[in-house]
N, C-alpha and C. Protein backbone atom coordinates (compact mmCIF):
# COMPACT_ATOMS: atom_id res chain seq x y z
N MET A 1 -3.24 -185.83 1.28
CA MET A 1 -2.15 -185.15 0.32
C MET A 1 -1.01 -185.06 1.01
N SER A 2 0.17 -185.40 0.48
CA SER A 2 1.45 -185.69 1.19
C SER A 2 2.05 -184.25 1.06
N GLU A 3 3.11 -184.33 2.01
CA GLU A 3 3.48 -182.92 2.22
C GLU A 3 4.36 -182.57 1.36
N ASN A 4 5.10 -183.85 0.88
CA ASN A 4 6.18 -183.49 -0.17
C ASN A 4 5.83 -183.30 -2.04
N SER A 5 4.34 -183.45 -1.72
CA SER A 5 3.99 -183.06 -3.32
C SER A 5 4.33 -181.91 -3.71
N GLN A 6 4.87 -182.10 -5.02
CA GLN A 6 5.73 -181.36 -5.76
C GLN A 6 4.65 -180.16 -6.32
N SER A 7 4.83 -178.69 -6.24
CA SER A 7 3.76 -177.75 -6.92
C SER A 7 4.64 -176.98 -7.71
N LEU A 8 4.14 -176.48 -9.15
CA LEU A 8 4.45 -175.73 -10.06
C LEU A 8 3.73 -174.84 -10.40
N SER A 9 4.78 -173.50 -10.39
CA SER A 9 3.82 -172.40 -10.63
C SER A 9 3.85 -172.45 -12.23
N CYS A 10 2.49 -172.12 -12.57
CA CYS A 10 2.09 -172.46 -13.81
C CYS A 10 1.60 -170.87 -14.20
N VAL A 11 1.22 -170.95 -15.75
CA VAL A 11 0.09 -169.57 -15.92
C VAL A 11 -0.60 -170.22 -17.03
N MET A 12 -2.12 -169.51 -16.71
CA MET A 12 -3.59 -170.05 -17.26
C MET A 12 -3.60 -169.03 -18.50
N ILE A 13 -3.76 -169.10 -19.80
CA ILE A 13 -3.38 -168.31 -20.87
C ILE A 13 -5.03 -168.49 -21.79
N PRO A 14 -5.40 -167.39 -21.71
CA PRO A 14 -7.02 -167.52 -22.45
C PRO A 14 -6.28 -167.10 -23.88
N VAL A 15 -6.75 -168.08 -24.74
CA VAL A 15 -6.77 -168.28 -26.01
C VAL A 15 -8.54 -168.14 -26.15
N SER A 16 -8.83 -168.07 -27.55
CA SER A 16 -10.02 -167.75 -28.07
C SER A 16 -11.18 -168.78 -27.44
N ASP A 17 -10.95 -169.76 -27.70
CA ASP A 17 -11.72 -171.30 -27.34
C ASP A 17 -11.45 -172.28 -26.28
N ARG A 18 -10.25 -171.69 -25.66
CA ARG A 18 -9.86 -172.52 -24.47
C ARG A 18 -8.76 -171.61 -23.46
N GLN A 19 -8.17 -172.47 -22.53
CA GLN A 19 -7.10 -171.70 -21.85
C GLN A 19 -5.62 -172.77 -21.99
N LEU A 20 -4.67 -172.01 -22.42
CA LEU A 20 -3.51 -172.84 -22.39
C LEU A 20 -2.69 -172.74 -21.14
N LEU A 21 -2.20 -173.71 -20.63
CA LEU A 21 -1.59 -174.23 -19.32
C LEU A 21 0.27 -174.08 -19.66
N LEU A 22 0.70 -173.48 -18.87
CA LEU A 22 2.24 -173.19 -19.60
C LEU A 22 3.31 -173.00 -17.93
N PRO A 23 4.44 -173.84 -17.64
CA PRO A 23 4.40 -173.69 -16.25
C PRO A 23 5.56 -172.31 -16.54
N ASN A 24 5.62 -171.68 -15.52
CA ASN A 24 6.43 -169.98 -15.07
C ASN A 24 7.84 -170.19 -16.02
N VAL A 25 8.73 -171.02 -15.84
CA VAL A 25 9.68 -170.99 -16.64
C VAL A 25 10.08 -170.92 -17.95
N SER A 26 8.99 -171.24 -18.41
CA SER A 26 8.49 -171.45 -20.13
C SER A 26 8.73 -169.69 -20.38
N ILE A 27 8.01 -168.64 -19.79
CA ILE A 27 7.53 -167.02 -20.10
C ILE A 27 8.38 -166.60 -19.67
N ALA A 28 8.99 -165.58 -20.78
CA ALA A 28 10.08 -164.87 -20.79
C ALA A 28 9.67 -163.30 -19.95
N GLU A 29 8.54 -162.76 -20.83
CA GLU A 29 7.69 -161.73 -20.24
C GLU A 29 6.70 -161.53 -20.92
N VAL A 30 5.58 -160.84 -20.38
CA VAL A 30 4.18 -160.48 -20.98
C VAL A 30 4.18 -159.16 -21.12
N VAL A 31 3.77 -158.75 -22.50
CA VAL A 31 3.83 -157.03 -22.97
C VAL A 31 2.68 -156.84 -23.64
N ASP A 32 2.13 -155.90 -23.49
CA ASP A 32 0.49 -155.36 -23.92
C ASP A 32 0.65 -155.64 -25.51
N TYR A 33 -0.48 -155.83 -26.04
CA TYR A 33 -0.57 -156.03 -27.40
C TYR A 33 -0.33 -155.30 -28.22
N ALA A 34 0.54 -155.17 -28.88
CA ALA A 34 1.13 -154.38 -30.40
C ALA A 34 1.72 -154.96 -30.63
N SER A 35 1.55 -155.58 -32.40
CA SER A 35 2.52 -156.18 -33.45
C SER A 35 2.52 -155.38 -34.75
N THR A 36 3.79 -155.59 -35.39
CA THR A 36 3.49 -154.80 -36.80
C THR A 36 3.02 -155.72 -37.56
N ASP A 37 1.89 -155.24 -38.83
CA ASP A 37 1.17 -156.07 -39.61
C ASP A 37 2.14 -157.24 -40.09
N ALA A 38 1.71 -158.62 -40.22
CA ALA A 38 2.43 -159.46 -40.79
C ALA A 38 2.82 -159.17 -42.38
N GLY A 39 1.71 -158.53 -43.31
CA GLY A 39 1.76 -158.41 -44.35
C GLY A 39 1.24 -159.29 -45.33
N THR A 40 1.62 -159.47 -46.41
CA THR A 40 0.80 -160.53 -47.22
C THR A 40 1.55 -161.41 -47.46
N ARG A 41 0.97 -162.78 -47.97
CA ARG A 41 1.68 -163.88 -48.34
C ARG A 41 2.37 -164.23 -47.10
N THR A 42 1.78 -164.37 -46.14
CA THR A 42 2.41 -164.93 -44.77
C THR A 42 1.35 -165.99 -44.54
N PRO A 43 1.92 -166.82 -43.74
CA PRO A 43 0.82 -167.97 -43.10
C PRO A 43 -0.45 -166.98 -42.02
N ASP A 44 -1.50 -168.17 -42.23
CA ASP A 44 -2.32 -167.83 -41.72
C ASP A 44 -2.17 -167.56 -39.85
N TRP A 45 -1.63 -168.18 -39.39
CA TRP A 45 -1.05 -168.12 -38.12
C TRP A 45 -0.24 -167.09 -37.38
N LEU A 46 0.63 -166.24 -38.53
CA LEU A 46 1.41 -165.67 -38.06
C LEU A 46 0.22 -163.92 -37.85
N VAL A 47 0.65 -163.40 -36.66
CA VAL A 47 -0.30 -162.26 -36.39
C VAL A 47 0.06 -161.18 -36.93
N GLY A 48 2.02 -161.11 -36.94
CA GLY A 48 2.71 -159.98 -36.83
C GLY A 48 3.69 -160.60 -36.37
N PHE A 49 4.74 -159.21 -35.91
CA PHE A 49 6.06 -159.26 -35.36
C PHE A 49 6.11 -158.10 -34.18
N LEU A 50 6.99 -158.57 -33.18
CA LEU A 50 7.03 -157.96 -31.94
C LEU A 50 8.48 -157.48 -32.18
N ASP A 51 8.64 -156.16 -31.82
CA ASP A 51 9.90 -155.92 -32.09
C ASP A 51 10.16 -155.56 -30.14
N TRP A 52 11.25 -157.00 -29.80
CA TRP A 52 11.34 -157.43 -28.39
C TRP A 52 12.88 -157.27 -28.11
N ARG A 53 13.12 -156.52 -27.33
CA ARG A 53 14.51 -156.19 -27.05
C ARG A 53 15.66 -156.44 -27.90
N GLY A 54 15.19 -155.53 -29.08
CA GLY A 54 16.00 -155.29 -30.26
C GLY A 54 16.05 -157.14 -31.41
N LEU A 55 15.16 -157.94 -30.55
CA LEU A 55 14.61 -158.91 -31.54
C LEU A 55 13.47 -158.82 -31.94
N ASN A 56 13.14 -159.39 -33.67
CA ASN A 56 12.08 -159.02 -34.14
C ASN A 56 11.12 -160.84 -34.53
N LEU A 57 10.13 -161.02 -33.13
CA LEU A 57 9.99 -162.07 -33.02
C LEU A 57 8.45 -162.26 -33.86
N PRO A 58 8.09 -163.13 -34.35
CA PRO A 58 7.01 -163.81 -34.78
C PRO A 58 5.73 -163.84 -33.55
N VAL A 59 4.79 -162.99 -34.09
CA VAL A 59 3.80 -163.49 -32.88
C VAL A 59 2.71 -164.49 -33.44
N ILE A 60 2.42 -165.44 -32.98
CA ILE A 60 1.71 -166.72 -33.48
C ILE A 60 0.28 -166.46 -32.76
N SER A 61 -0.70 -166.76 -33.47
CA SER A 61 -2.11 -167.05 -33.24
C SER A 61 -2.12 -168.44 -32.73
N TYR A 62 -2.36 -168.82 -31.70
CA TYR A 62 -2.24 -170.18 -31.01
C TYR A 62 -3.76 -170.60 -31.80
N ASP A 63 -4.62 -169.92 -31.81
CA ASP A 63 -5.91 -170.28 -32.52
C ASP A 63 -5.86 -170.55 -34.18
N ALA A 64 -5.21 -170.08 -34.93
CA ALA A 64 -5.19 -170.17 -36.14
C ALA A 64 -3.76 -171.40 -36.50
N ALA A 65 -2.93 -171.59 -35.42
CA ALA A 65 -1.86 -172.70 -35.50
C ALA A 65 -2.66 -173.79 -34.97
N ASN A 66 -3.80 -173.75 -34.60
CA ASN A 66 -4.49 -175.01 -34.34
C ASN A 66 -5.35 -175.45 -34.89
N GLY A 67 -5.68 -174.62 -36.34
CA GLY A 67 -6.72 -175.17 -37.06
C GLY A 67 -7.82 -174.40 -36.86
N ASN A 68 -7.89 -172.98 -36.17
CA ASN A 68 -9.34 -172.70 -35.98
C ASN A 68 -8.69 -170.96 -36.69
N LYS A 69 -9.80 -170.31 -36.39
CA LYS A 69 -9.84 -169.01 -37.05
C LYS A 69 -8.89 -168.08 -36.30
N LEU A 70 -8.07 -167.48 -37.19
CA LEU A 70 -7.46 -166.23 -36.63
C LEU A 70 -8.17 -165.38 -35.42
N THR A 71 -7.89 -165.06 -34.69
CA THR A 71 -8.80 -163.76 -33.74
C THR A 71 -7.57 -162.86 -33.32
N ILE A 72 -8.13 -161.72 -33.73
CA ILE A 72 -6.87 -160.50 -32.95
C ILE A 72 -7.72 -160.04 -31.82
N PRO A 73 -7.09 -159.93 -30.85
CA PRO A 73 -7.57 -159.61 -29.33
C PRO A 73 -8.41 -158.23 -29.57
N GLY A 74 -9.43 -157.89 -28.90
CA GLY A 74 -10.09 -156.54 -28.93
C GLY A 74 -9.05 -155.47 -28.09
N GLU A 75 -9.43 -154.29 -28.66
CA GLU A 75 -8.60 -153.43 -27.45
C GLU A 75 -8.49 -153.51 -26.20
N ASN A 76 -6.96 -153.57 -25.60
CA ASN A 76 -6.80 -153.46 -24.14
C ASN A 76 -7.05 -154.97 -23.82
N ARG A 77 -7.41 -155.94 -24.52
CA ARG A 77 -7.71 -157.09 -23.73
C ARG A 77 -6.77 -158.16 -24.07
N GLY A 78 -6.21 -157.93 -25.34
CA GLY A 78 -4.80 -158.89 -25.47
C GLY A 78 -3.35 -158.79 -24.72
N ARG A 79 -2.64 -159.53 -24.68
CA ARG A 79 -1.28 -159.20 -24.37
C ARG A 79 -0.53 -160.35 -25.35
N ILE A 80 0.56 -159.88 -25.52
CA ILE A 80 1.32 -161.01 -26.01
C ILE A 80 2.91 -161.61 -25.14
N ILE A 81 2.52 -162.86 -25.10
CA ILE A 81 3.36 -163.77 -24.25
C ILE A 81 4.75 -164.16 -24.79
N VAL A 82 6.03 -163.75 -24.50
CA VAL A 82 7.11 -164.00 -25.00
C VAL A 82 7.87 -165.21 -24.37
N LEU A 83 7.59 -166.50 -24.92
CA LEU A 83 7.91 -167.66 -24.70
C LEU A 83 9.62 -168.06 -24.69
N ASN A 84 10.27 -168.56 -23.71
CA ASN A 84 11.45 -169.31 -24.21
C ASN A 84 11.50 -170.66 -25.01
N THR A 85 12.08 -170.53 -25.92
CA THR A 85 11.87 -171.66 -26.86
C THR A 85 12.75 -173.32 -25.96
N ILE A 86 12.44 -174.30 -26.47
CA ILE A 86 12.97 -175.54 -25.70
C ILE A 86 13.49 -176.59 -26.97
N GLY A 87 13.10 -176.28 -28.07
CA GLY A 87 13.46 -177.24 -29.14
C GLY A 87 14.98 -176.73 -29.87
N GLN A 88 15.01 -177.80 -31.11
CA GLN A 88 16.33 -177.86 -31.53
C GLN A 88 17.18 -176.62 -31.91
N ASP A 89 16.00 -175.38 -32.64
CA ASP A 89 16.26 -174.40 -33.00
C ASP A 89 16.54 -173.38 -32.26
N ARG A 90 16.75 -173.48 -30.94
CA ARG A 90 16.57 -172.66 -29.58
C ARG A 90 17.80 -171.55 -29.99
N GLN A 91 19.38 -172.08 -30.67
CA GLN A 91 20.11 -171.08 -30.90
C GLN A 91 19.81 -169.90 -31.67
N ARG A 92 19.02 -170.61 -32.69
CA ARG A 92 18.80 -169.49 -33.79
C ARG A 92 17.59 -168.75 -33.53
N ALA A 93 16.54 -169.30 -32.59
CA ALA A 93 15.50 -168.53 -32.73
C ALA A 93 15.13 -168.96 -30.81
N PRO A 94 15.68 -168.00 -29.61
CA PRO A 94 15.30 -168.89 -28.52
C PRO A 94 14.16 -167.97 -28.05
N PHE A 95 13.74 -167.19 -28.62
CA PHE A 95 12.12 -166.77 -28.47
C PHE A 95 11.31 -166.57 -29.13
N MET A 96 9.92 -167.06 -28.62
CA MET A 96 8.69 -166.89 -29.70
C MET A 96 7.80 -166.41 -29.31
N ALA A 97 6.41 -165.59 -29.83
CA ALA A 97 5.48 -164.56 -29.22
C ALA A 97 4.33 -165.60 -29.58
N LEU A 98 3.07 -165.00 -28.56
CA LEU A 98 1.95 -165.80 -28.61
C LEU A 98 1.24 -164.83 -28.14
N VAL A 99 -0.08 -164.65 -28.97
CA VAL A 99 -1.15 -163.41 -28.67
C VAL A 99 -2.01 -164.24 -27.72
N THR A 100 -2.51 -163.61 -26.99
CA THR A 100 -3.48 -164.12 -25.93
C THR A 100 -4.93 -163.32 -26.18
N GLN A 101 -5.94 -163.86 -25.55
CA GLN A 101 -7.16 -163.20 -25.82
C GLN A 101 -7.81 -162.92 -24.18
N GLY A 102 -6.55 -162.28 -23.62
CA GLY A 102 -7.06 -161.63 -22.25
C GLY A 102 -5.72 -161.69 -21.33
N ILE A 103 -5.90 -161.76 -20.29
CA ILE A 103 -4.97 -161.49 -19.38
C ILE A 103 -4.70 -162.90 -18.43
N PRO A 104 -3.24 -162.90 -18.43
CA PRO A 104 -2.92 -164.35 -18.50
C PRO A 104 -3.15 -164.59 -16.71
N SER A 105 -3.25 -165.54 -16.14
CA SER A 105 -3.39 -165.54 -14.54
C SER A 105 -2.31 -166.84 -13.90
N GLN A 106 -1.95 -166.52 -12.67
CA GLN A 106 -0.76 -167.37 -12.19
C GLN A 106 -2.02 -168.48 -11.83
N ALA A 107 -1.60 -169.75 -11.63
CA ALA A 107 -1.78 -171.09 -11.17
C ALA A 107 -1.07 -171.68 -10.25
N ARG A 108 -1.13 -172.49 -9.33
CA ARG A 108 -0.16 -173.61 -8.62
C ARG A 108 -0.57 -174.66 -9.02
N LEU A 109 0.21 -175.63 -9.23
CA LEU A 109 -0.50 -176.96 -9.84
C LEU A 109 0.59 -178.10 -8.92
N THR A 110 -0.47 -178.96 -8.54
CA THR A 110 0.10 -180.01 -7.81
C THR A 110 -0.21 -181.14 -8.79
N GLU A 111 0.61 -182.26 -8.60
CA GLU A 111 0.03 -183.41 -9.69
C GLU A 111 -1.35 -183.77 -9.30
N ASP A 112 -2.06 -184.01 -8.18
CA ASP A 112 -3.01 -184.56 -7.65
C ASP A 112 -4.12 -183.54 -8.45
N GLN A 113 -3.81 -182.05 -8.53
CA GLN A 113 -4.91 -181.07 -8.99
C GLN A 113 -5.17 -181.44 -10.96
N ILE A 114 -3.92 -182.19 -11.47
CA ILE A 114 -4.14 -182.41 -12.73
C ILE A 114 -4.98 -183.74 -13.51
N ARG A 115 -5.89 -183.34 -13.84
CA ARG A 115 -6.61 -184.79 -14.57
C ARG A 115 -6.60 -184.97 -15.88
N GLN A 116 -6.37 -185.84 -16.81
CA GLN A 116 -6.30 -185.42 -18.23
C GLN A 116 -7.99 -185.60 -18.40
N LEU A 117 -8.36 -185.09 -19.51
CA LEU A 117 -9.71 -185.24 -19.94
C LEU A 117 -9.53 -185.56 -21.46
N GLU A 118 -10.55 -186.38 -21.68
CA GLU A 118 -10.44 -186.68 -23.48
C GLU A 118 -11.19 -185.31 -24.16
N GLY A 119 -10.18 -184.97 -24.50
CA GLY A 119 -10.48 -183.87 -25.96
C GLY A 119 -10.12 -183.97 -27.14
N GLU A 120 -10.62 -183.67 -28.39
CA GLU A 120 -10.14 -183.42 -29.32
C GLU A 120 -8.97 -182.19 -29.66
N ALA A 121 -7.76 -182.84 -29.73
CA ALA A 121 -6.72 -182.34 -30.06
C ALA A 121 -6.53 -181.78 -31.19
N GLY A 122 -5.98 -180.42 -31.31
CA GLY A 122 -5.43 -180.02 -32.53
C GLY A 122 -4.08 -180.22 -32.47
N PRO A 123 -3.36 -179.86 -33.69
CA PRO A 123 -1.83 -180.10 -33.87
C PRO A 123 -1.08 -179.21 -32.94
N ALA A 124 -1.82 -178.19 -32.56
CA ALA A 124 -0.94 -177.52 -31.59
C ALA A 124 -1.04 -177.87 -30.00
N ASP A 125 -2.12 -178.97 -29.84
CA ASP A 125 -2.45 -179.32 -28.56
C ASP A 125 -1.52 -180.50 -28.27
N ILE A 126 -1.16 -180.73 -26.73
CA ILE A 126 -0.64 -182.11 -26.52
C ILE A 126 -1.82 -182.77 -25.81
N MET A 127 -2.22 -182.17 -24.58
CA MET A 127 -3.43 -182.99 -24.21
C MET A 127 -4.29 -181.70 -23.36
N GLN A 128 -5.37 -182.25 -22.80
CA GLN A 128 -6.27 -181.47 -22.02
C GLN A 128 -6.44 -181.99 -20.83
N VAL A 129 -6.44 -181.14 -19.56
CA VAL A 129 -6.06 -181.28 -18.42
C VAL A 129 -7.50 -180.66 -17.69
N GLU A 130 -7.57 -180.84 -16.64
CA GLU A 130 -8.68 -180.08 -15.89
C GLU A 130 -7.37 -179.85 -14.34
N VAL A 131 -7.80 -178.25 -14.17
CA VAL A 131 -7.00 -177.89 -13.42
C VAL A 131 -7.82 -177.14 -12.26
N ASP A 132 -8.06 -177.54 -11.36
CA ASP A 132 -9.23 -176.96 -10.03
C ASP A 132 -10.34 -177.05 -11.00
N GLY A 133 -10.66 -178.03 -11.46
CA GLY A 133 -12.17 -178.18 -12.27
C GLY A 133 -12.55 -176.88 -13.58
N GLU A 134 -11.33 -176.43 -13.79
CA GLU A 134 -11.65 -175.73 -15.24
C GLU A 134 -10.69 -176.27 -16.05
N PRO A 135 -11.01 -176.47 -17.42
CA PRO A 135 -10.26 -177.33 -18.36
C PRO A 135 -9.10 -176.35 -18.93
N ALA A 136 -8.15 -177.09 -19.37
CA ALA A 136 -7.39 -176.21 -19.87
C ALA A 136 -6.06 -177.22 -20.87
N TRP A 137 -5.39 -176.77 -21.77
CA TRP A 137 -4.85 -177.50 -22.62
C TRP A 137 -3.44 -177.10 -22.41
N ILE A 138 -2.73 -178.04 -22.61
CA ILE A 138 -1.05 -178.05 -22.67
C ILE A 138 -0.63 -177.87 -24.14
N PRO A 139 -0.12 -176.88 -24.15
CA PRO A 139 0.46 -176.68 -25.90
C PRO A 139 1.37 -177.24 -26.10
N ASN A 140 1.67 -177.91 -27.59
CA ASN A 140 2.94 -178.23 -28.14
C ASN A 140 3.60 -176.98 -28.52
N LEU A 141 4.76 -177.22 -27.75
CA LEU A 141 5.44 -176.18 -27.66
C LEU A 141 6.62 -176.33 -29.16
N GLU A 142 6.92 -177.53 -28.86
CA GLU A 142 7.73 -177.71 -30.19
C GLU A 142 7.14 -177.60 -31.59
N TYR A 143 6.10 -177.92 -31.89
CA TYR A 143 5.33 -177.42 -32.84
C TYR A 143 5.11 -176.08 -33.09
N LEU A 144 4.58 -175.15 -31.86
CA LEU A 144 4.50 -173.81 -32.34
C LEU A 144 6.25 -173.53 -32.90
N GLU A 145 7.04 -173.70 -31.94
CA GLU A 145 8.54 -173.33 -32.54
C GLU A 145 8.89 -173.68 -33.98
N SER A 146 8.18 -174.67 -34.35
CA SER A 146 8.77 -175.25 -35.95
C SER A 146 8.04 -174.07 -36.95
N LEU A 147 6.84 -173.88 -36.60
CA LEU A 147 6.09 -172.84 -37.09
C LEU A 147 7.31 -171.26 -36.68
N ALA A 148 7.27 -170.89 -36.00
CA ALA A 148 7.86 -169.76 -35.62
C ALA A 148 9.57 -169.74 -36.26
N ALA A 149 10.08 -170.84 -36.42
CA ALA A 149 11.37 -171.01 -36.39
C ALA A 149 11.44 -170.57 -38.26
N ASP A 150 9.92 -171.32 -39.08
CA ASP A 150 10.10 -171.17 -40.26
C ASP A 150 9.79 -169.73 -40.53
N ALA A 151 9.09 -168.88 -39.77
CA ALA A 151 8.48 -167.37 -40.18
C ALA A 151 9.72 -166.45 -39.90
N HIS A 152 11.10 -166.64 -38.97
CA HIS A 152 12.06 -165.77 -39.19
C HIS A 152 12.64 -165.64 -39.92
N HIS A 153 12.82 -164.30 -40.66
CA HIS A 153 13.21 -163.52 -41.84
C HIS A 153 14.84 -164.18 -41.85
């Protein structure tokens, strides 16, 4: 391994059937799970809304956005991760929120730790990778952001 190999601070985020891998810089804050009810006639992936720093953020279920069923975390297990958006709507919606099924953990990644795996990707996945022997999915943030932008009132 070379001395100058770049390492990236990442976070592994547990959702119901997989772990997501995101760079630290994309995460604005991790808060305890609490959200207002989404109400009726809302998309399946919308868990509810989070009142965060005076903003009303749509809380997205990655599982449901990815074509699986919506899973609400059990008590004291879930967190809500507030993400910085990167897409074209970021002026209008600079943040979005994702619900987790557990407590996110830190990971440091170097390129040689990441191996692409063959996995059946859903609409919210970019690709499956292996990080230190653990499978993880890199999420398609732009897709999730397009959902969040639609949900903003």
